[in-house]
């Protein structure tokens, strides 16, 4: 396969990947708000996709307050699991 053809495949896949991450952020933040957590900003979010599932993990910060979260989504972009924890004091 010529190099430009493989580059075209990568470039074509990038928007779908970015769109999937945007959906994950939107759905996970909505689920977090439904748990009563509001006003926090995302801190160091990490997106991963494996097979039919995706995950968004990271932190939420509001001033000195911090929460860690882990959000799992199915292939339709719906949240299947959400865990919010308070990190141990440093």
C-alpha atoms as a PDB file:
ATOM      1  CA  UNK A   1       0.000   0.000   0.000  1.00  0.00           C
ATOM      2  CA  UNK A   2       1.470   3.398  -0.912  1.00  0.00           C
ATOM      3  CA  UNK A   3       2.282   5.691   2.009  1.00  0.00           C
ATOM      4  CA  UNK A   4      -0.250   8.302   0.910  1.00  0.00           C
ATOM      5  CA  UNK A   5      -3.036   5.686   0.916  1.00  0.00           C
ATOM      6  CA  UNK A   6      -2.359   4.703   4.525  1.00  0.00           C
ATOM      7  CA  UNK A   7      -2.228   8.395   5.482  1.00  0.00           C
ATOM      8  CA  UNK A   8      -5.632   8.866   3.843  1.00  0.00           C
ATOM      9  CA  UNK A   9      -7.026   6.027   5.949  1.00  0.00           C
ATOM     10  CA  UNK A  10      -5.677   7.617   9.142  1.00  0.00           C
ATOM     11  CA  UNK A  11      -7.046  11.040   8.211  1.00  0.00           C
ATOM     12  CA  UNK A  12     -10.440   9.560   7.383  1.00  0.00           C
ATOM     13  CA  UNK A  13     -10.578   7.760  10.733  1.00  0.00           C
ATOM     14  CA  UNK A  14      -9.604  10.786  12.827  1.00  0.00           C
ATOM     15  CA  UNK A  15     -12.933  12.676  12.622  1.00  0.00           C
ATOM     16  CA  UNK A  16     -14.886   9.593  13.720  1.00  0.00           C
ATOM     17  CA  UNK A  17     -12.519   9.132  16.625  1.00  0.00           C
ATOM     18  CA  UNK A  18     -12.821  12.778  17.655  1.00  0.00           C
ATOM     19  CA  UNK A  19     -16.596  12.618  17.307  1.00  0.00           C
ATOM     20  CA  UNK A  20     -16.692   9.529  19.522  1.00  0.00           C
ATOM     21  CA  UNK A  21     -14.639  11.320  22.179  1.00  0.00           C
ATOM     22  CA  UNK A  22     -16.957  14.331  21.977  1.00  0.00           C
ATOM     23  CA  UNK A  23     -19.973  12.047  22.459  1.00  0.00           C
ATOM     24  CA  UNK A  24     -18.257  10.370  25.421  1.00  0.00           C
ATOM     25  CA  UNK A  25     -17.526  13.735  27.054  1.00  0.00           C
ATOM     26  CA  UNK A  26     -21.079  14.966  26.517  1.00  0.00           C
ATOM     27  CA  UNK A  27     -22.763  11.793  27.788  1.00  0.00           C
ATOM     28  CA  UNK A  28     -20.431  11.327  30.763  1.00  0.00           C
ATOM     29  CA  UNK A  29     -20.744  14.957  31.873  1.00  0.00           C
ATOM     30  CA  UNK A  30     -24.529  14.669  31.616  1.00  0.00           C
ATOM     31  CA  UNK A  31     -24.479  11.519  33.780  1.00  0.00           C
ATOM     32  CA  UNK A  32     -22.207  13.281  36.294  1.00  0.00           C
ATOM     33  CA  UNK A  33     -24.629  16.232  36.475  1.00  0.00           C
ATOM     34  CA  UNK A  34     -27.502  13.790  37.047  1.00  0.00           C
ATOM     35  CA  UNK A  35     -25.598  12.589  40.142  1.00  0.00           C
ATOM     36  CA  UNK A  36     -25.784  16.165  41.478  1.00  0.00           C
ATOM     37  CA  UNK A  37     -22.189  17.146  40.693  1.00  0.00           C
ATOM     38  CA  UNK A  38     -22.208  20.571  39.031  1.00  0.00           C
ATOM     39  CA  UNK A  39     -19.754  23.362  38.362  1.00  0.00           C
ATOM     40  CA  UNK A  40     -16.663  21.155  38.086  1.00  0.00           C
ATOM     41  CA  UNK A  41     -14.235  21.372  35.154  1.00  0.00           C
ATOM     42  CA  UNK A  42     -12.617  18.369  33.464  1.00  0.00           C
ATOM     43  CA  UNK A  43      -9.004  17.828  34.485  1.00  0.00           C
ATOM     44  CA  UNK A  44      -6.763  15.596  32.372  1.00  0.00           C
ATOM     45  CA  UNK A  45      -9.525  13.541  30.678  1.00  0.00           C
ATOM     46  CA  UNK A  46      -8.353  10.339  28.992  1.00  0.00           C
ATOM     47  CA  UNK A  47     -10.410   8.619  26.300  1.00  0.00           C
ATOM     48  CA  UNK A  48      -9.970   4.979  25.323  1.00  0.00           C
ATOM     49  CA  UNK A  49     -11.870   2.728  22.960  1.00  0.00           C
ATOM     50  CA  UNK A  50     -11.777  -1.063  22.860  1.00  0.00           C
ATOM     51  CA  UNK A  51     -14.057  -3.109  20.660  1.00  0.00           C
ATOM     52  CA  UNK A  52     -17.652  -2.027  21.195  1.00  0.00           C
ATOM     53  CA  UNK A  53     -16.991  -0.056  24.387  1.00  0.00           C
ATOM     54  CA  UNK A  54     -15.346   3.233  25.256  1.00  0.00           C
ATOM     55  CA  UNK A  55     -14.187   4.828  28.483  1.00  0.00           C
ATOM     56  CA  UNK A  56     -13.507   8.349  29.677  1.00  0.00           C
ATOM     57  CA  UNK A  57     -11.524   8.765  32.888  1.00  0.00           C
ATOM     58  CA  UNK A  58      -9.933  11.693  34.642  1.00  0.00           C
ATOM     59  CA  UNK A  59     -10.585  14.270  37.281  1.00  0.00           C
ATOM     60  CA  UNK A  60     -13.058  17.019  38.015  1.00  0.00           C
ATOM     61  CA  UNK A  61     -11.918  20.189  39.786  1.00  0.00           C
ATOM     62  CA  UNK A  62     -13.725  23.082  41.439  1.00  0.00           C
ATOM     63  CA  UNK A  63     -11.279  25.320  43.282  1.00  0.00           C
ATOM     64  CA  UNK A  64      -9.459  23.143  45.816  1.00  0.00           C
ATOM     65  CA  UNK A  65     -12.089  20.395  45.551  1.00  0.00           C
ATOM     66  CA  UNK A  66     -11.300  17.396  43.337  1.00  0.00           C
ATOM     67  CA  UNK A  67     -13.150  14.250  42.270  1.00  0.00           C
ATOM     68  CA  UNK A  68     -11.889  11.373  40.137  1.00  0.00           C
ATOM     69  CA  UNK A  69     -14.252   9.728  37.676  1.00  0.00           C
ATOM     70  CA  UNK A  70     -14.446   6.698  35.430  1.00  0.00           C
ATOM     71  CA  UNK A  71     -17.204   6.515  32.835  1.00  0.00           C
ATOM     72  CA  UNK A  72     -17.866   3.541  30.529  1.00  0.00           C
ATOM     73  CA  UNK A  73     -20.033   3.742  27.419  1.00  0.00           C
ATOM     74  CA  UNK A  74     -21.552   1.170  25.084  1.00  0.00           C
ATOM     75  CA  UNK A  75     -21.262   1.277  21.295  1.00  0.00           C
ATOM     76  CA  UNK A  76     -24.323   3.548  21.039  1.00  0.00           C
ATOM     77  CA  UNK A  77     -22.619   6.140  23.248  1.00  0.00           C
ATOM     78  CA  UNK A  78     -24.803   5.509  26.288  1.00  0.00           C
ATOM     79  CA  UNK A  79     -23.264   5.447  29.760  1.00  0.00           C
ATOM     80  CA  UNK A  80     -23.212   1.936  31.208  1.00  0.00           C
ATOM     81  CA  UNK A  81     -21.120   2.637  34.323  1.00  0.00           C
ATOM     82  CA  UNK A  82     -20.081   5.762  36.209  1.00  0.00           C
ATOM     83  CA  UNK A  83     -17.838   5.858  39.272  1.00  0.00           C
ATOM     84  CA  UNK A  84     -17.081   9.089  41.163  1.00  0.00           C
ATOM     85  CA  UNK A  85     -14.538   9.013  43.982  1.00  0.00           C
ATOM     86  CA  UNK A  86     -12.802  11.496  46.226  1.00  0.00           C
ATOM     87  CA  UNK A  87      -9.042  11.014  45.920  1.00  0.00           C
ATOM     88  CA  UNK A  88      -7.114  10.406  49.147  1.00  0.00           C
ATOM     89  CA  UNK A  89      -5.787  13.527  50.879  1.00  0.00           C
ATOM     90  CA  UNK A  90      -2.190  14.361  50.047  1.00  0.00           C
END
